[in-house]
Amino acid sequence: MSLKLCFMAVAFVIFAIFSCADHITESRDAGNGPGQSGKKAPASVQAIFDQSCALSGCHRDFQRPFLTADVAYDNIVGAPSTQSPSLNFIEPGDPSRSYLYLKITGGSGIIGTRMPQANPPLPAAQIDTIRVWIENGAPSE
């Protein structure tokens, strides 16, 4: 392998590593931290997160908020949004002030696009499940 080609390959690998650095260095314990409260989202809500958010690969390891069952509740209920810190991800009792709800409905004031990105919107029944949960104070299971 020529020296020039070897140098280019090494430069590419270094570039690839550093282009992901923001995601790699973020701690998994976003929000209040995994398992601190021991609270979990209700099964009906967590099932939506699992299907459309966490287990689909988006909000599992590197993209905040982490929405796996062990950390979702602590990471979103009463926790400031990373994109719009003036709003909590979930503001108990108020979907219109809950950034996660605004993201899944494509509400005004969101940064970026409606969630889930590059996929069809959540079905109305799933959005209603999340809305009602928030309106009822976002209780844990």
N, C-alpha and C. Protein backbone atom coordinates (compact mmCIF):
# COMPACT_ATOMS: atom_id res chain seq x y z
N MET A 1 0.86 -1.17 0.00
CA MET A 1 0.00 0.00 0.00
C MET A 1 0.90 1.23 0.00
N SER A 2 0.60 2.18 -0.83
CA SER A 2 1.43 3.37 -0.91
C SER A 2 1.28 4.21 0.36
N LEU A 3 2.28 4.99 0.66
CA LEU A 3 2.28 5.84 1.85
C LEU A 3 1.13 6.85 1.80
N LYS A 4 0.86 7.39 0.62
CA LYS A 4 -0.22 8.36 0.47
C LYS A 4 -1.58 7.71 0.76
N LEU A 5 -1.80 6.52 0.24
CA LEU A 5 -3.06 5.81 0.47
C LEU A 5 -3.22 5.44 1.94
N CYS A 6 -2.13 5.02 2.56
CA CYS A 6 -2.15 4.67 3.99
C CYS A 6 -2.49 5.91 4.82
N PHE A 7 -1.88 7.04 4.51
CA PHE A 7 -2.16 8.29 5.22
C PHE A 7 -3.62 8.68 5.07
N MET A 8 -4.16 8.55 3.87
CA MET A 8 -5.57 8.91 3.63
C MET A 8 -6.50 7.99 4.43
N ALA A 9 -6.18 6.71 4.51
CA ALA A 9 -7.01 5.77 5.26
C ALA A 9 -7.00 6.12 6.75
N VAL A 10 -5.83 6.42 7.29
CA VAL A 10 -5.73 6.80 8.70
C VAL A 10 -6.49 8.10 8.95
N ALA A 11 -6.35 9.08 8.07
CA ALA A 11 -7.06 10.35 8.22
C ALA A 11 -8.57 10.14 8.19
N PHE A 12 -9.04 9.26 7.33
CA PHE A 12 -10.48 8.97 7.26
C PHE A 12 -10.98 8.35 8.56
N VAL A 13 -10.23 7.40 9.09
CA VAL A 13 -10.63 6.74 10.35
C VAL A 13 -10.67 7.76 11.48
N ILE A 14 -9.67 8.61 11.58
CA ILE A 14 -9.65 9.64 12.63
C ILE A 14 -10.83 10.58 12.45
N PHE A 15 -11.11 11.00 11.23
CA PHE A 15 -12.26 11.87 10.98
C PHE A 15 -13.56 11.19 11.40
N ALA A 16 -13.72 9.92 11.05
CA ALA A 16 -14.94 9.19 11.40
C ALA A 16 -15.12 9.10 12.91
N ILE A 17 -14.04 8.85 13.62
CA ILE A 17 -14.13 8.75 15.08
C ILE A 17 -14.52 10.09 15.68
N PHE A 18 -13.86 11.16 15.27
CA PHE A 18 -14.15 12.46 15.87
C PHE A 18 -15.48 13.04 15.42
N SER A 19 -15.99 12.64 14.29
CA SER A 19 -17.30 13.14 13.87
C SER A 19 -18.41 12.57 14.74
N CYS A 20 -18.16 11.46 15.40
CA CYS A 20 -19.13 10.84 16.31
C CYS A 20 -18.84 11.19 17.76
N ALA A 21 -17.82 11.96 18.04
CA ALA A 21 -17.38 12.19 19.41
C ALA A 21 -18.46 12.76 20.31
N ASP A 22 -19.29 13.68 19.82
CA ASP A 22 -20.34 14.24 20.67
C ASP A 22 -21.25 13.16 21.21
N HIS A 23 -21.58 12.21 20.36
CA HIS A 23 -22.49 11.15 20.78
C HIS A 23 -21.78 10.15 21.69
N ILE A 24 -20.54 9.87 21.43
CA ILE A 24 -19.82 8.87 22.19
C ILE A 24 -19.56 9.35 23.62
N THR A 25 -19.27 10.63 23.79
CA THR A 25 -18.90 11.12 25.10
C THR A 25 -20.08 11.41 26.00
N GLU A 26 -21.30 11.45 25.48
CA GLU A 26 -22.44 11.71 26.33
C GLU A 26 -22.68 10.54 27.26
N SER A 27 -22.94 10.86 28.50
CA SER A 27 -23.19 9.84 29.50
C SER A 27 -24.56 9.22 29.30
N ARG A 28 -24.69 7.96 29.65
CA ARG A 28 -25.97 7.28 29.54
C ARG A 28 -26.94 7.78 30.60
N ASP A 29 -26.46 8.41 31.64
CA ASP A 29 -27.37 8.85 32.68
C ASP A 29 -27.80 10.30 32.48
N ALA A 30 -28.49 10.53 31.36
CA ALA A 30 -29.07 11.84 31.08
C ALA A 30 -30.22 12.07 32.03
N GLY A 31 -30.62 13.31 32.14
CA GLY A 31 -31.75 13.61 33.02
C GLY A 31 -31.40 13.33 34.46
N ASN A 32 -32.27 12.70 35.20
CA ASN A 32 -32.05 12.43 36.62
C ASN A 32 -31.18 11.21 36.86
N GLY A 33 -30.88 10.46 35.83
CA GLY A 33 -30.01 9.30 35.98
C GLY A 33 -30.79 8.01 36.02
N PRO A 34 -30.20 6.96 35.47
CA PRO A 34 -30.90 5.69 35.39
C PRO A 34 -31.15 5.09 36.77
N GLY A 35 -32.38 4.73 36.98
CA GLY A 35 -32.74 4.00 38.17
C GLY A 35 -32.73 4.78 39.47
N GLN A 36 -32.48 6.08 39.43
CA GLN A 36 -32.43 6.83 40.68
C GLN A 36 -33.74 6.75 41.43
N SER A 37 -34.82 6.95 40.74
CA SER A 37 -36.11 6.95 41.43
C SER A 37 -36.75 5.57 41.45
N GLY A 38 -36.34 4.72 40.55
CA GLY A 38 -36.98 3.41 40.44
C GLY A 38 -38.33 3.47 39.76
N LYS A 39 -38.74 4.66 39.31
CA LYS A 39 -40.04 4.82 38.66
C LYS A 39 -39.94 4.40 37.20
N LYS A 40 -41.05 3.90 36.70
CA LYS A 40 -41.13 3.51 35.29
C LYS A 40 -42.39 4.09 34.69
N ALA A 41 -42.32 4.37 33.40
CA ALA A 41 -43.51 4.82 32.67
C ALA A 41 -44.51 3.66 32.63
N PRO A 42 -45.79 3.96 32.57
CA PRO A 42 -46.79 2.88 32.46
C PRO A 42 -46.49 2.01 31.23
N ALA A 43 -46.86 0.75 31.32
CA ALA A 43 -46.57 -0.20 30.24
C ALA A 43 -47.11 0.28 28.90
N SER A 44 -48.29 0.91 28.89
CA SER A 44 -48.88 1.37 27.63
C SER A 44 -48.02 2.46 26.98
N VAL A 45 -47.41 3.31 27.79
CA VAL A 45 -46.55 4.38 27.28
C VAL A 45 -45.19 3.80 26.90
N GLN A 46 -44.62 2.98 27.77
CA GLN A 46 -43.31 2.40 27.49
C GLN A 46 -43.33 1.54 26.24
N ALA A 47 -44.44 0.88 25.97
CA ALA A 47 -44.55 0.06 24.75
C ALA A 47 -44.39 0.94 23.50
N ILE A 48 -44.93 2.15 23.55
CA ILE A 48 -44.78 3.08 22.42
C ILE A 48 -43.32 3.50 22.29
N PHE A 49 -42.69 3.85 23.42
CA PHE A 49 -41.27 4.22 23.39
C PHE A 49 -40.43 3.07 22.85
N ASP A 50 -40.71 1.86 23.31
CA ASP A 50 -39.94 0.70 22.86
C ASP A 50 -40.06 0.50 21.36
N GLN A 51 -41.28 0.54 20.86
CA GLN A 51 -41.53 0.25 19.45
C GLN A 51 -41.00 1.36 18.54
N SER A 52 -41.22 2.60 18.90
CA SER A 52 -40.96 3.69 17.97
C SER A 52 -39.75 4.54 18.30
N CYS A 53 -39.21 4.41 19.49
CA CYS A 53 -38.15 5.34 19.91
C CYS A 53 -36.88 4.62 20.36
N ALA A 54 -37.00 3.80 21.38
CA ALA A 54 -35.81 3.20 22.00
C ALA A 54 -35.29 1.99 21.24
N LEU A 55 -36.13 1.00 21.05
CA LEU A 55 -35.66 -0.23 20.44
C LEU A 55 -35.50 -0.12 18.93
N SER A 56 -36.00 0.97 18.36
CA SER A 56 -35.79 1.20 16.93
C SER A 56 -34.37 1.71 16.69
N GLY A 57 -33.64 1.96 17.78
CA GLY A 57 -32.25 2.36 17.67
C GLY A 57 -31.99 3.84 17.84
N CYS A 58 -33.02 4.64 17.95
CA CYS A 58 -32.81 6.09 18.03
C CYS A 58 -32.49 6.56 19.45
N HIS A 59 -33.38 6.35 20.38
CA HIS A 59 -33.19 6.86 21.74
C HIS A 59 -32.83 5.73 22.69
N ARG A 60 -31.75 5.05 22.32
CA ARG A 60 -31.31 3.90 23.11
C ARG A 60 -29.94 4.12 23.72
N ASP A 61 -28.93 4.39 22.92
CA ASP A 61 -27.56 4.47 23.44
C ASP A 61 -26.92 5.84 23.33
N PHE A 62 -27.19 6.56 22.25
CA PHE A 62 -26.46 7.80 22.03
C PHE A 62 -27.33 9.03 21.86
N GLN A 63 -28.58 8.89 21.56
CA GLN A 63 -29.45 10.03 21.28
C GLN A 63 -30.35 10.31 22.47
N ARG A 64 -30.18 11.47 23.06
CA ARG A 64 -31.00 11.85 24.22
C ARG A 64 -32.39 12.24 23.81
N PRO A 65 -33.38 12.07 24.62
CA PRO A 65 -33.33 11.36 25.90
C PRO A 65 -33.37 9.86 25.66
N PHE A 66 -32.70 9.12 26.52
CA PHE A 66 -32.72 7.67 26.42
C PHE A 66 -34.09 7.20 26.89
N LEU A 67 -34.72 6.35 26.11
CA LEU A 67 -36.10 5.95 26.40
C LEU A 67 -36.25 4.45 26.63
N THR A 68 -35.18 3.79 27.02
CA THR A 68 -35.32 2.38 27.40
C THR A 68 -36.04 2.32 28.75
N ALA A 69 -36.67 1.20 29.02
CA ALA A 69 -37.55 1.07 30.19
C ALA A 69 -36.84 1.38 31.50
N ASP A 70 -35.56 1.08 31.61
CA ASP A 70 -34.85 1.29 32.88
C ASP A 70 -34.58 2.75 33.19
N VAL A 71 -34.63 3.63 32.19
CA VAL A 71 -34.26 5.03 32.43
C VAL A 71 -35.26 6.05 31.90
N ALA A 72 -36.22 5.63 31.10
CA ALA A 72 -37.10 6.59 30.42
C ALA A 72 -37.79 7.56 31.37
N TYR A 73 -38.43 7.07 32.40
CA TYR A 73 -39.21 7.95 33.29
C TYR A 73 -38.33 9.04 33.88
N ASP A 74 -37.20 8.66 34.47
CA ASP A 74 -36.31 9.65 35.08
C ASP A 74 -35.75 10.63 34.06
N ASN A 75 -35.55 10.18 32.83
CA ASN A 75 -34.94 11.03 31.81
C ASN A 75 -35.89 12.04 31.19
N ILE A 76 -37.20 11.83 31.34
CA ILE A 76 -38.12 12.74 30.64
C ILE A 76 -39.10 13.47 31.54
N VAL A 77 -39.58 12.87 32.60
CA VAL A 77 -40.61 13.52 33.41
C VAL A 77 -39.97 14.59 34.29
N GLY A 78 -40.33 15.84 34.00
CA GLY A 78 -39.78 16.97 34.73
C GLY A 78 -38.35 17.32 34.37
N ALA A 79 -37.80 16.69 33.34
CA ALA A 79 -36.42 16.93 32.92
C ALA A 79 -36.39 17.90 31.75
N PRO A 80 -35.51 18.91 31.79
CA PRO A 80 -35.44 19.88 30.70
C PRO A 80 -35.04 19.24 29.38
N SER A 81 -35.69 19.68 28.32
CA SER A 81 -35.34 19.22 26.98
C SER A 81 -33.94 19.70 26.63
N THR A 82 -33.19 18.86 25.94
CA THR A 82 -31.86 19.27 25.50
C THR A 82 -31.93 20.21 24.31
N GLN A 83 -33.01 20.18 23.54
CA GLN A 83 -33.15 21.06 22.38
C GLN A 83 -33.81 22.38 22.74
N SER A 84 -34.68 22.37 23.72
CA SER A 84 -35.40 23.58 24.12
C SER A 84 -35.51 23.58 25.65
N PRO A 85 -34.42 23.97 26.35
CA PRO A 85 -34.37 23.85 27.80
C PRO A 85 -35.46 24.61 28.57
N SER A 86 -36.16 25.52 27.91
CA SER A 86 -37.25 26.21 28.60
C SER A 86 -38.47 25.30 28.75
N LEU A 87 -38.45 24.16 28.06
CA LEU A 87 -39.53 23.18 28.17
C LEU A 87 -38.97 21.87 28.72
N ASN A 88 -39.75 21.21 29.56
CA ASN A 88 -39.38 19.87 29.99
C ASN A 88 -39.78 18.88 28.91
N PHE A 89 -39.08 17.75 28.84
CA PHE A 89 -39.51 16.71 27.91
C PHE A 89 -40.96 16.36 28.20
N ILE A 90 -41.28 16.12 29.47
CA ILE A 90 -42.66 15.88 29.89
C ILE A 90 -42.95 16.82 31.05
N GLU A 91 -43.92 17.69 30.86
CA GLU A 91 -44.41 18.57 31.92
C GLU A 91 -45.72 17.96 32.41
N PRO A 92 -45.67 17.29 33.57
CA PRO A 92 -46.88 16.61 34.06
C PRO A 92 -48.09 17.54 34.08
N GLY A 93 -49.18 17.07 33.47
CA GLY A 93 -50.42 17.83 33.42
C GLY A 93 -50.57 18.75 32.23
N ASP A 94 -49.51 18.93 31.43
CA ASP A 94 -49.57 19.94 30.36
C ASP A 94 -48.87 19.48 29.08
N PRO A 95 -49.60 18.79 28.20
CA PRO A 95 -48.99 18.35 26.94
C PRO A 95 -48.45 19.52 26.10
N SER A 96 -49.10 20.68 26.14
CA SER A 96 -48.67 21.81 25.32
C SER A 96 -47.33 22.38 25.78
N ARG A 97 -46.87 22.01 26.98
CA ARG A 97 -45.57 22.44 27.51
C ARG A 97 -44.61 21.25 27.64
N SER A 98 -44.96 20.16 26.98
CA SER A 98 -44.14 18.94 27.01
C SER A 98 -43.45 18.77 25.66
N TYR A 99 -42.13 18.96 25.66
CA TYR A 99 -41.39 18.96 24.40
C TYR A 99 -41.51 17.63 23.65
N LEU A 100 -41.51 16.53 24.37
CA LEU A 100 -41.65 15.23 23.70
C LEU A 100 -42.98 15.16 22.97
N TYR A 101 -44.05 15.62 23.61
CA TYR A 101 -45.36 15.60 22.96
C TYR A 101 -45.36 16.51 21.73
N LEU A 102 -44.75 17.69 21.85
CA LEU A 102 -44.68 18.59 20.70
C LEU A 102 -43.89 17.95 19.55
N LYS A 103 -42.84 17.20 19.89
CA LYS A 103 -42.04 16.56 18.84
C LYS A 103 -42.82 15.47 18.12
N ILE A 104 -43.63 14.70 18.83
CA ILE A 104 -44.36 13.61 18.15
C ILE A 104 -45.58 14.12 17.40
N THR A 105 -46.03 15.34 17.73
CA THR A 105 -47.18 15.91 17.02
C THR A 105 -46.75 16.93 15.97
N GLY A 106 -45.46 17.25 15.93
CA GLY A 106 -44.98 18.27 14.99
C GLY A 106 -45.42 19.66 15.41
N GLY A 107 -45.60 19.86 16.70
CA GLY A 107 -46.08 21.14 17.23
C GLY A 107 -45.13 22.29 16.95
N SER A 108 -45.65 23.50 17.07
CA SER A 108 -44.82 24.68 16.82
C SER A 108 -43.79 24.83 17.94
N GLY A 109 -42.66 25.39 17.58
CA GLY A 109 -41.61 25.63 18.54
C GLY A 109 -40.60 24.51 18.67
N ILE A 110 -40.78 23.43 17.92
CA ILE A 110 -39.79 22.35 18.02
C ILE A 110 -38.57 22.69 17.18
N ILE A 111 -37.47 22.10 17.55
CA ILE A 111 -36.24 22.23 16.77
C ILE A 111 -36.10 20.93 15.98
N GLY A 112 -35.80 21.06 14.71
CA GLY A 112 -35.69 19.87 13.87
C GLY A 112 -37.05 19.43 13.38
N THR A 113 -37.18 18.14 13.17
CA THR A 113 -38.39 17.60 12.56
C THR A 113 -39.23 16.82 13.57
N ARG A 114 -40.43 16.51 13.14
CA ARG A 114 -41.35 15.70 13.94
C ARG A 114 -40.71 14.33 14.16
N MET A 115 -41.01 13.73 15.28
CA MET A 115 -40.53 12.39 15.60
C MET A 115 -41.66 11.39 15.36
N PRO A 116 -41.37 10.16 15.04
CA PRO A 116 -40.04 9.64 14.78
C PRO A 116 -39.52 10.11 13.42
N GLN A 117 -38.27 10.49 13.40
CA GLN A 117 -37.66 11.00 12.18
C GLN A 117 -37.64 9.94 11.10
N ALA A 118 -37.85 10.37 9.87
CA ALA A 118 -37.76 9.51 8.69
C ALA A 118 -38.70 8.30 8.75
N ASN A 119 -39.73 8.39 9.56
CA ASN A 119 -40.74 7.34 9.65
C ASN A 119 -42.11 7.99 9.67
N PRO A 120 -43.14 7.22 9.42
CA PRO A 120 -44.49 7.81 9.48
C PRO A 120 -44.78 8.30 10.90
N PRO A 121 -45.68 9.27 11.02
CA PRO A 121 -46.06 9.74 12.36
C PRO A 121 -46.63 8.59 13.18
N LEU A 122 -46.57 8.74 14.49
CA LEU A 122 -47.20 7.75 15.35
C LEU A 122 -48.69 7.72 15.06
N PRO A 123 -49.33 6.57 15.18
CA PRO A 123 -50.78 6.51 15.01
C PRO A 123 -51.48 7.40 16.06
N ALA A 124 -52.63 7.92 15.69
CA ALA A 124 -53.38 8.82 16.58
C ALA A 124 -53.63 8.19 17.94
N ALA A 125 -53.91 6.89 17.98
CA ALA A 125 -54.18 6.23 19.25
C ALA A 125 -52.95 6.27 20.17
N GLN A 126 -51.76 6.13 19.61
CA GLN A 126 -50.54 6.19 20.42
C GLN A 126 -50.28 7.61 20.91
N ILE A 127 -50.50 8.58 20.05
CA ILE A 127 -50.35 9.98 20.46
C ILE A 127 -51.34 10.30 21.58
N ASP A 128 -52.57 9.81 21.44
CA ASP A 128 -53.58 10.03 22.49
C ASP A 128 -53.17 9.38 23.80
N THR A 129 -52.58 8.19 23.74
CA THR A 129 -52.12 7.51 24.95
C THR A 129 -51.10 8.38 25.69
N ILE A 130 -50.16 8.94 24.96
CA ILE A 130 -49.14 9.79 25.57
C ILE A 130 -49.76 11.08 26.08
N ARG A 131 -50.67 11.68 25.31
CA ARG A 131 -51.33 12.92 25.74
C ARG A 131 -52.10 12.72 27.03
N VAL A 132 -52.90 11.67 27.10
CA VAL A 132 -53.70 11.39 28.29
C VAL A 132 -52.80 11.13 29.49
N TRP A 133 -51.72 10.39 29.28
CA TRP A 133 -50.76 10.13 30.36
C TRP A 133 -50.21 11.45 30.91
N ILE A 134 -49.82 12.35 30.02
CA ILE A 134 -49.30 13.65 30.45
C ILE A 134 -50.39 14.45 31.17
N GLU A 135 -51.59 14.51 30.57
CA GLU A 135 -52.69 15.26 31.19
C GLU A 135 -53.01 14.75 32.60
N ASN A 136 -52.84 13.45 32.81
CA ASN A 136 -53.12 12.85 34.12
C ASN A 136 -51.95 12.99 35.09
N GLY A 137 -50.96 13.80 34.73
CA GLY A 137 -49.84 14.06 35.63
C GLY A 137 -48.64 13.18 35.42
N ALA A 138 -48.61 12.42 34.33
CA ALA A 138 -47.48 11.53 33.99
C ALA A 138 -47.12 10.62 35.16
N PRO A 139 -48.11 9.88 35.67
CA PRO A 139 -47.81 9.01 36.82
C PRO A 139 -46.90 7.84 36.42
N SER A 140 -46.13 7.38 37.39
CA SER A 140 -45.29 6.21 37.15
C SER A 140 -46.10 4.95 37.41
N GLU A 141 -45.55 3.84 36.98
CA GLU A 141 -46.23 2.55 37.17
C GLU A 141 -45.89 2.00 38.54
